[in-house]
Amino acid sequence: MKRWLIILSIIFGIGFISSAALAGRVYYEDLKVYTDYDKKILQTEALKNIYITSSVPIEIYPTSGEPYVEFNQSFTDLLGAAPEYELEVETKGENTYIELNETKEIFLWVGIKESRAQLSIYLPQATINRLNIQNDDYFYNQRNKQVINLEGINVNELTTNMNETEFILDGNYEKINISVSQGQINLKSNIPTQLTTQGNLVQYLTGEFDKITINNNSRDIIIDSNSASSVEINSHSSNIDLKGHYSRVKVKGNNNTLDIRSESICKLYTEGYGNHINGNGAFDVMHLDEDHSEMEIQTTVIPTKIDLGENSYPNTLVLTLPSNIPGFTVKYLNDYYMEDEEYETNHFGLISDFALESRKSEKGEYIYTYGDGSLEIRFNGNQENSLEIIDGGVYSSSSTAQ
């Protein structure tokens, strides 16, 4: 009996494989292929302001020839259920409106072998006042890339709302506002730019900046600023590398690695959990509101304010100050649990190259002073915090920040 069962199983298996092969052969022989193409010439005099709306992925490239827009589509499936689109270009004075709308949707997502659709726009290397790109639909054209290449194309105001996109920007930009699901931006700005990005973007930013605002997660952020810019970053689990010139830097988020080197007078603000912060530069104000973070900061100027957070702990901070600092005061906060007996300085996690004098306030706070005590360093007295103040062995060019 068992022998007959084995024989029947083999026969059934052979029949199943043959049927599958036959079905596969019929499938590929009966595929429906649908293609579409459209091209429209753009009027150069009407490219002052450009508004683009598309239901398919977009790519923009510079051209030295005649500006134009074209649409390409290739769709292959079993049922002949290809989507259809219509390209429209409208001109009003100095404004050009480019729209690619879906006029027929896929009615059944079965048997699709290929789905490609692309809107390609070629623009002259000139100055555009406003470029607005709207394209945040979900694409079933998953194999298509979105590339916005504006090398040599100056844009006063660039605004995008898109799916995954690669941005290549090299020129004069006054204001950039990029909202994208994910992607990468390579930006070289030749004039002070106001930049705002929203989305999981890998960012490489160089050149002149006025203000940078970034909302990001789990992506590298690399900035080299030639001007004293203001930077605000909200991010988690990112590698953040800032060098050049900054007037103000504020980083908020958890599990980030921040490396900042500022050649100009800079105010530094951080807030988060589990961060690794390394700073070297002209920091005149520092507000470090951190939990479970490791910080190592060297300032090349004599700071006016250092606030290590009233409720933040436990942290490790190595703070390097100029040798000619006239004095500072370390004031422990929230020391309600301290006993009246004397403690050694390092019992509270404080180590310093500078000769400190200690006293106790009427509130029971322990205060450590060096020199004239003019700089106040606010520090949570929780014993799990660790503060080391190092003499940097260098002299600041001025006793106060410029």
Foldseek 3Di string as FASTA:
>chain_A
DVVVVVVVVVVVVVVVVVVVVVVVVVFVVQKDKDKDKDKDFDDQQQQQAEAEEEAAAEEEEEDQDTKMKMKIWIWIFRPPQDWDWDWDWDGDGNYIYTYIDTPGDRPDPPGTDATAMYMYTYHHLEEHAYYEYEAADDDPNVVDAHEYANASHHYAEYYYAHEEHEYHEEEAYAEYEEEYAEYEYAYEHAEAHEYEYHHAYAYDYEYHHAEYEYEHEQHEHHYAHQDAHAYEYEYENYEYEEEHHHAEYEYEYENYEYEYEHAAEYDYHYAYEAYEEEEEEAYQHYEAHYAPYEYEYEHLAHHQAAEDHAPHDDYEYEYEYEQPAQKAKEKAHPPPPDDPDDDDPCQQQEAEPADWDWDADPVRIIMIMGHPNNYYHYHHSDSSHHYYYYHPHHHHPDNHHD
